[in-house]
Protein backbone atom coordinates (compact mmCIF):
# COMPACT_ATOMS: atom_id res chain seq x y z
CA MET A 1 -14.10 -26.71 19.65
CA GLN A 2 -13.23 -25.08 22.95
CA ARG A 3 -9.69 -24.14 23.80
CA LEU A 4 -8.14 -23.79 27.22
CA PRO A 5 -7.45 -20.23 28.40
CA SER A 6 -3.74 -21.06 28.60
CA GLU A 7 -3.76 -22.10 24.94
CA VAL A 8 -5.52 -18.89 23.93
CA ALA A 9 -3.08 -16.82 25.98
CA GLY A 10 -0.13 -18.67 24.49
CA ALA A 11 -1.37 -18.05 20.95
CA TRP A 12 -1.96 -14.36 21.74
CA VAL A 13 1.54 -13.98 23.20
CA SER A 14 3.21 -15.66 20.23
CA GLN A 15 1.24 -13.43 17.86
CA ALA A 16 2.24 -10.35 19.87
CA GLU A 17 5.88 -11.46 19.72
CA ARG A 18 5.71 -11.78 15.93
CA MET A 19 4.13 -8.33 15.63
CA ALA A 20 6.75 -6.85 17.95
CA ARG A 21 9.57 -8.37 15.90
CA ILE A 22 8.13 -6.90 12.69
CA VAL A 23 7.83 -3.46 14.30
CA ILE A 24 11.36 -3.66 15.71
CA ASP A 25 12.75 -4.74 12.33
CA ARG A 26 11.09 -1.76 10.64
CA LEU A 27 12.32 0.65 13.32
CA ASN A 28 15.85 -0.68 12.89
CA LEU A 29 15.55 -0.22 9.12
CA ILE A 30 14.35 3.37 9.58
CA LEU A 31 17.16 4.11 12.03
CA ASP A 32 19.74 2.61 9.67
CA ASN A 33 18.44 4.76 6.81
CA ALA A 34 18.36 7.87 9.00
CA SER A 35 21.93 7.34 10.20
CA ALA A 36 22.96 6.92 6.55
CA GLY A 37 21.45 10.33 5.78
CA ASN A 38 18.38 8.96 4.00
CA TYR A 39 15.58 10.60 5.98
CA THR A 40 12.90 10.09 3.33
CA SER A 41 12.71 6.30 3.61
CA TYR A 42 9.04 5.66 2.94
CA GLU A 43 9.96 2.21 1.62
CA ALA A 44 10.58 1.14 5.21
CA PHE A 45 6.79 1.12 5.70
CA ALA A 46 6.04 -0.86 2.55
């Protein structure tokens, strides 16, 4: 089944948005832990 380029691009963009949100959430978690004085927050990457 062939998909239109616009459909493929739309799926790629939505996937990239999900990945970006996950990365941003983890960065925010790390920054929150760092500001709280917990610099060894390996659980943020779990």
